[in-house]
C-alpha atoms as a PDB file:
ATOM      1  CA  MET A   1     -30.391  26.496  -5.814  1.00  0.00           C
ATOM      2  CA  SER A   2     -26.903  27.274  -4.539  1.00  0.00           C
ATOM      3  CA  LEU A   3     -26.369  30.041  -2.037  1.00  0.00           C
ATOM      4  CA  VAL A   4     -22.615  30.214  -2.704  1.00  0.00           C
ATOM      5  CA  CYS A   5     -21.336  32.640  -5.339  1.00  0.00           C
ATOM      6  CA  PRO A   6     -19.342  31.121  -8.258  1.00  0.00           C
ATOM      7  CA  ALA A   7     -15.999  32.651  -7.192  1.00  0.00           C
ATOM      8  CA  ARG A   8     -16.387  31.351  -3.660  1.00  0.00           C
ATOM      9  CA  ARG A   9     -17.421  27.920  -4.990  1.00  0.00           C
ATOM     10  CA  GLN A  10     -14.186  27.758  -7.059  1.00  0.00           C
ATOM     11  CA  LEU A  11     -12.139  28.689  -3.993  1.00  0.00           C
ATOM     12  CA  LEU A  12     -13.855  26.049  -1.849  1.00  0.00           C
ATOM     13  CA  LEU A  13     -13.431  23.384  -4.542  1.00  0.00           C
ATOM     14  CA  GLY A  14      -9.750  24.264  -4.854  1.00  0.00           C
ATOM     15  CA  LEU A  15      -9.234  24.090  -1.099  1.00  0.00           C
ATOM     16  CA  SER A  16     -11.049  20.765  -0.861  1.00  0.00           C
ATOM     17  CA  GLY A  17      -8.737  19.390  -3.558  1.00  0.00           C
ATOM     18  CA  VAL A  18      -5.703  20.498  -1.548  1.00  0.00           C
ATOM     19  CA  ALA A  19      -7.199  18.949   1.582  1.00  0.00           C
ATOM     20  CA  MET A  20      -7.848  15.645  -0.210  1.00  0.00           C
ATOM     21  CA  PHE A  21      -4.313  15.540  -1.639  1.00  0.00           C
ATOM     22  CA  SER A  22      -2.844  16.049   1.821  1.00  0.00           C
ATOM     23  CA  VAL A  23      -4.577  12.949   3.229  1.00  0.00           C
ATOM     24  CA  ILE A  24      -3.683  10.600   0.360  1.00  0.00           C
ATOM     25  CA  PRO A  25      -1.206   7.986   1.664  1.00  0.00           C
ATOM     26  CA  SER A  26       2.410   8.839   0.921  1.00  0.00           C
ATOM     27  CA  LYS A  27       2.747   5.694  -1.205  1.00  0.00           C
ATOM     28  CA  VAL A  28       0.469   7.323  -3.752  1.00  0.00           C
ATOM     29  CA  GLN A  29       1.982  10.775  -3.546  1.00  0.00           C
ATOM     30  CA  ALA A  30       5.092  11.492  -5.531  1.00  0.00           C
ATOM     31  CA  SER A  31       7.082  11.926  -2.326  1.00  0.00           C
ATOM     32  CA  ARG A  32       9.258   8.877  -2.984  1.00  0.00           C
ATOM     33  CA  SER A  33      12.165  10.030  -5.016  1.00  0.00           C
ATOM     34  CA  THR A  34      13.302   7.906  -7.919  1.00  0.00           C
ATOM     35  CA  THR A  35      16.484   9.894  -8.242  1.00  0.00           C
ATOM     36  CA  GLY A  36      19.579   9.726  -6.145  1.00  0.00           C
ATOM     37  CA  VAL A  37      22.129   7.195  -5.022  1.00  0.00           C
ATOM     38  CA  ARG A  38      22.011   4.631  -2.220  1.00  0.00           C
ATOM     39  CA  SER A  39      25.361   3.266  -1.116  1.00  0.00           C
ATOM     40  CA  LEU A  40      26.392   0.767   1.550  1.00  0.00           C
ATOM     41  CA  GLY A  41      29.580  -0.735   2.861  1.00  0.00           C
ATOM     42  CA  PHE A  42      30.244  -4.042   4.596  1.00  0.00           C
ATOM     43  CA  ASN A  43      33.100  -5.452   6.624  1.00  0.00           C
ATOM     44  CA  ASN A  44      32.841  -9.245   6.837  1.00  0.00           C
ATOM     45  CA  LEU A  45      34.378 -10.024  10.221  1.00  0.00           C
ATOM     46  CA  HIS A  46      35.035 -13.685   9.332  1.00  0.00           C
ATOM     47  CA  THR A  47      36.807 -13.207   5.999  1.00  0.00           C
ATOM     48  CA  GLY A  48      38.228  -9.717   6.514  1.00  0.00           C
ATOM     49  CA  GLU A  49      36.740  -8.732   3.160  1.00  0.00           C
ATOM     50  CA  ARG A  50      35.192  -5.348   2.611  1.00  0.00           C
ATOM     51  CA  GLY A  51      32.512  -4.471   0.126  1.00  0.00           C
ATOM     52  CA  PHE A  52      31.299  -1.014  -0.789  1.00  0.00           C
ATOM     53  CA  GLY A  53      29.161   0.291  -3.571  1.00  0.00           C
ATOM     54  CA  SER A  54      26.168   2.193  -4.840  1.00  0.00           C
ATOM     55  CA  TYR A  55      23.525  -0.500  -5.075  1.00  0.00           C
ATOM     56  CA  TRP A  56      20.686   1.788  -6.259  1.00  0.00           C
ATOM     57  CA  ILE A  57      21.011   4.696  -8.690  1.00  0.00           C
ATOM     58  CA  ASP A  58      18.086   6.800  -9.910  1.00  0.00           C
ATOM     59  CA  GLY A  59      15.503   4.111  -9.158  1.00  0.00           C
ATOM     60  CA  ASN A  60      17.486   1.177 -10.544  1.00  0.00           C
ATOM     61  CA  TYR A  61      19.199  -1.555  -8.561  1.00  0.00           C
ATOM     62  CA  GLN A  62      22.757  -2.081  -9.740  1.00  0.00           C
ATOM     63  CA  GLU A  63      23.145  -5.803 -10.459  1.00  0.00           C
ATOM     64  CA  LYS A  64      26.957  -5.778 -10.458  1.00  0.00           C
ATOM     65  CA  THR A  65      27.060  -4.163  -7.013  1.00  0.00           C
ATOM     66  CA  LEU A  66      24.355  -6.506  -5.692  1.00  0.00           C
ATOM     67  CA  SER A  67      26.360  -9.483  -6.930  1.00  0.00           C
ATOM     68  CA  GLU A  68      29.496  -8.150  -5.221  1.00  0.00           C
ATOM     69  CA  PHE A  69      27.544  -7.628  -1.999  1.00  0.00           C
ATOM     70  CA  SER A  70      26.249 -11.225  -2.159  1.00  0.00           C
ATOM     71  CA  HIS A  71      29.837 -12.450  -2.466  1.00  0.00           C
ATOM     72  CA  THR A  72      30.955 -10.397   0.550  1.00  0.00           C
ATOM     73  CA  LEU A  73      27.950 -11.631   2.571  1.00  0.00           C
ATOM     74  CA  ARG A  74      28.415 -15.297   1.602  1.00  0.00           C
ATOM     75  CA  ASP A  75      28.508 -18.326   3.875  1.00  0.00           C
ATOM     76  CA  HIS A  76      32.208 -18.229   4.741  1.00  0.00           C
ATOM     77  CA  ARG A  77      32.160 -21.798   6.100  1.00  0.00           C
ATOM     78  CA  ARG A  78      31.172 -23.316   2.741  1.00  0.00           C
ATOM     79  CA  ASN A  79      32.239 -20.421   0.488  1.00  0.00           C
ATOM     80  CA  GLU A  80      28.715 -20.301  -0.973  1.00  0.00           C
ATOM     81  CA  SER A  81      26.827 -17.179  -1.912  1.00  0.00           C
ATOM     82  CA  ALA A  82      23.212 -16.540  -2.819  1.00  0.00           C
ATOM     83  CA  PRO A  83      21.372 -13.426  -3.960  1.00  0.00           C
ATOM     84  CA  MET A  84      20.420 -11.309  -0.964  1.00  0.00           C
ATOM     85  CA  ASP A  85      16.987  -9.701  -0.703  1.00  0.00           C
ATOM     86  CA  LYS A  86      17.119  -6.157  -2.114  1.00  0.00           C
ATOM     87  CA  ARG A  87      14.779  -5.019   0.659  1.00  0.00           C
ATOM     88  CA  LEU A  88      17.519  -5.915   3.144  1.00  0.00           C
ATOM     89  CA  TYR A  89      19.811  -3.340   1.549  1.00  0.00           C
ATOM     90  CA  ASP A  90      17.039  -0.742   1.655  1.00  0.00           C
ATOM     91  CA  LEU A  91      16.478  -1.538   5.347  1.00  0.00           C
ATOM     92  CA  LEU A  92      20.192  -1.049   6.067  1.00  0.00           C
ATOM     93  CA  PHE A  93      20.300   2.174   4.066  1.00  0.00           C
ATOM     94  CA  LYS A  94      17.339   3.563   6.026  1.00  0.00           C
ATOM     95  CA  LEU A  95      18.948   2.399   9.260  1.00  0.00           C
ATOM     96  CA  LYS A  96      22.122   4.357   8.487  1.00  0.00           C
ATOM     97  CA  LEU A  97      20.060   7.430   7.585  1.00  0.00           C
ATOM     98  CA  SER A  98      18.058   7.235  10.806  1.00  0.00           C
ATOM     99  CA  LEU A  99      21.274   6.990  12.846  1.00  0.00           C
ATOM    100  CA  ASN A 100      23.058   9.604  10.711  1.00  0.00           C
ATOM    101  CA  VAL A 101      26.196   7.472  10.338  1.00  0.00           C
ATOM    102  CA  GLU A 102      28.572   6.779   7.469  1.00  0.00           C
ATOM    103  CA  GLU A 103      30.456   3.735   8.811  1.00  0.00           C
ATOM    104  CA  ASP A 104      30.359   0.364   7.088  1.00  0.00           C
ATOM    105  CA  PHE A 105      28.344  -2.411   8.699  1.00  0.00           C
ATOM    106  CA  ASN A 106      30.314  -5.104  10.500  1.00  0.00           C
ATOM    107  CA  VAL A 107      28.770  -8.378   9.347  1.00  0.00           C
ATOM    108  CA  ILE A 108      28.807 -11.367  11.660  1.00  0.00           C
ATOM    109  CA  SER A 109      26.529 -13.523   9.521  1.00  0.00           C
ATOM    110  CA  GLY A 110      24.909 -13.035   6.130  1.00  0.00           C
ATOM    111  CA  TYR A 111      23.791 -15.849   3.862  1.00  0.00           C
ATOM    112  CA  ARG A 112      23.896 -19.321   5.420  1.00  0.00           C
ATOM    113  CA  SER A 113      23.691 -22.541   3.454  1.00  0.00           C
ATOM    114  CA  PRO A 114      21.187 -25.086   4.789  1.00  0.00           C
ATOM    115  CA  GLN A 115      24.143 -27.257   5.894  1.00  0.00           C
ATOM    116  CA  THR A 116      25.764 -24.433   7.859  1.00  0.00           C
ATOM    117  CA  ASN A 117      22.452 -23.425   9.402  1.00  0.00           C
ATOM    118  CA  ALA A 118      21.737 -27.013  10.485  1.00  0.00           C
ATOM    119  CA  MET A 119      25.188 -27.289  12.059  1.00  0.00           C
ATOM    120  CA  LEU A 120      24.744 -23.993  13.943  1.00  0.00           C
ATOM    121  CA  ALA A 121      21.193 -24.900  15.032  1.00  0.00           C
ATOM    122  CA  SER A 122      22.476 -28.204  16.456  1.00  0.00           C
ATOM    123  CA  LYS A 123      24.926 -26.276  18.648  1.00  0.00           C
ATOM    124  CA  SER A 124      22.683 -23.404  19.777  1.00  0.00           C
ATOM    125  CA  ASN A 125      19.042 -22.831  20.627  1.00  0.00           C
ATOM    126  CA  GLY A 126      19.491 -19.278  19.318  1.00  0.00           C
ATOM    127  CA  VAL A 127      19.626 -20.400  15.671  1.00  0.00           C
ATOM    128  CA  ALA A 128      16.296 -20.929  13.927  1.00  0.00           C
ATOM    129  CA  LYS A 129      15.970 -24.166  11.960  1.00  0.00           C
ATOM    130  CA  LYS A 130      14.222 -22.244   9.146  1.00  0.00           C
ATOM    131  CA  SER A 131      16.365 -19.140   9.405  1.00  0.00           C
ATOM    132  CA  TYR A 132      15.882 -16.187   7.070  1.00  0.00           C
ATOM    133  CA  HIS A 133      19.663 -16.316   6.618  1.00  0.00           C
ATOM    134  CA  MET A 134      19.131 -19.342   4.333  1.00  0.00           C
ATOM    135  CA  LYS A 135      16.840 -17.240   2.116  1.00  0.00           C
ATOM    136  CA  GLY A 136      19.258 -14.305   1.871  1.00  0.00           C
ATOM    137  CA  MET A 137      16.821 -12.218   3.904  1.00  0.00           C
ATOM    138  CA  ALA A 138      18.835 -11.674   7.114  1.00  0.00           C
ATOM    139  CA  LEU A 139      22.050 -10.238   8.461  1.00  0.00           C
ATOM    140  CA  ASP A 140      23.666 -10.183  11.876  1.00  0.00           C
ATOM    141  CA  ILE A 141      25.318  -6.773  12.130  1.00  0.00           C
ATOM    142  CA  ALA A 142      26.954  -4.134  14.281  1.00  0.00           C
ATOM    143  CA  LEU A 143      28.073  -0.583  13.531  1.00  0.00           C
ATOM    144  CA  PRO A 144      31.350   0.831  14.836  1.00  0.00           C
ATOM    145  CA  ASN A 145      30.827   3.725  17.245  1.00  0.00           C
ATOM    146  CA  VAL A 146      27.085   3.005  17.585  1.00  0.00           C
ATOM    147  CA  ASN A 147      25.744   1.620  20.829  1.00  0.00           C
ATOM    148  CA  LEU A 148      24.175  -1.773  20.135  1.00  0.00           C
ATOM    149  CA  SER A 149      20.946  -0.886  21.946  1.00  0.00           C
ATOM    150  CA  ASP A 150      20.675   2.296  19.847  1.00  0.00           C
ATOM    151  CA  LEU A 151      21.147   0.222  16.682  1.00  0.00           C
ATOM    152  CA  ARG A 152      18.435  -2.181  17.859  1.00  0.00           C
ATOM    153  CA  ASP A 153      16.024   0.628  18.736  1.00  0.00           C
ATOM    154  CA  ALA A 154      16.538   2.314  15.358  1.00  0.00           C
ATOM    155  CA  ALA A 155      15.934  -0.976  13.521  1.00  0.00           C
ATOM    156  CA  ILE A 156      12.760  -1.637  15.530  1.00  0.00           C
ATOM    157  CA  GLU A 157      11.501   1.880  14.816  1.00  0.00           C
ATOM    158  CA  LEU A 158      11.765   1.279  11.052  1.00  0.00           C
ATOM    159  CA  LYS A 159       9.192  -1.555  11.283  1.00  0.00           C
ATOM    160  CA  LEU A 160      10.643  -3.222   8.178  1.00  0.00           C
ATOM    161  CA  GLY A 161      11.151  -6.759   9.489  1.00  0.00           C
ATOM    162  CA  GLY A 162      12.449  -8.817  12.370  1.00  0.00           C
ATOM    163  CA  VAL A 163      14.974  -7.493  14.872  1.00  0.00           C
ATOM    164  CA  GLY A 164      16.857  -9.679  17.333  1.00  0.00           C
ATOM    165  CA  TYR A 165      19.122  -8.328  20.078  1.00  0.00           C
ATOM    166  CA  TYR A 166      22.252 -10.255  21.068  1.00  0.00           C
ATOM    167  CA  PRO A 167      24.234  -7.975  23.396  1.00  0.00           C
ATOM    168  CA  ARG A 168      26.508 -10.744  24.731  1.00  0.00           C
ATOM    169  CA  SER A 169      27.556 -11.598  21.188  1.00  0.00           C
ATOM    170  CA  GLY A 170      27.788  -7.950  20.126  1.00  0.00           C
ATOM    171  CA  PHE A 171      25.306  -7.834  17.253  1.00  0.00           C
ATOM    172  CA  ILE A 172      21.708  -7.399  16.229  1.00  0.00           C
ATOM    173  CA  HIS A 173      19.839  -9.527  13.725  1.00  0.00           C
ATOM    174  CA  VAL A 174      17.758  -7.815  11.037  1.00  0.00           C
ATOM    175  CA  ASP A 175      15.624  -9.527   8.445  1.00  0.00           C
ATOM    176  CA  THR A 176      12.941  -8.718   5.890  1.00  0.00           C
ATOM    177  CA  GLY A 177      10.430 -11.183   7.291  1.00  0.00           C
ATOM    178  CA  PRO A 178       7.387 -10.194   9.383  1.00  0.00           C
ATOM    179  CA  VAL A 179       7.806  -7.339  11.860  1.00  0.00           C
ATOM    180  CA  ARG A 180       8.733  -8.879  15.254  1.00  0.00           C
ATOM    181  CA  THR A 181      11.351  -8.537  17.988  1.00  0.00           C
ATOM    182  CA  TRP A 182      13.201 -10.792  20.389  1.00  0.00           C
END
């Protein structure tokens, strides 16, 4: 036999439902918007080419813009491009939001062909033999008017992949592989 009156029971059930909804992980909640526009801009420091566009509109990746981005981020040594990981663009978009900046990313290295990567790895211990650059999952970047250590810290805080710090060379590496830093 219940000692709680029916009106009070309804109130308690309602409150428990609110409490349960508030602890459901945000991935389940409808907090992720499927509307809006995500735009990025790139300045390829080796080719002088610039690319800008809205790569995501109302929940849909824009294939034409993604293709143009891949061209801008190509291996300039061999003039080869490959599709870049869409998650990389989302990482960069979130990075710009976290830093509250509008500038285009300066790109030092985007996609690398296996031949280019092998050549660079033979000249430097800092180039991984199985680099995420060869999979279209990495970029070496800088942002004008943003301190490189601040850019690194913001990328690490996102916890969306690997972050390498190269202050002597003036860039950070970001990739969509496992979360790690160096």
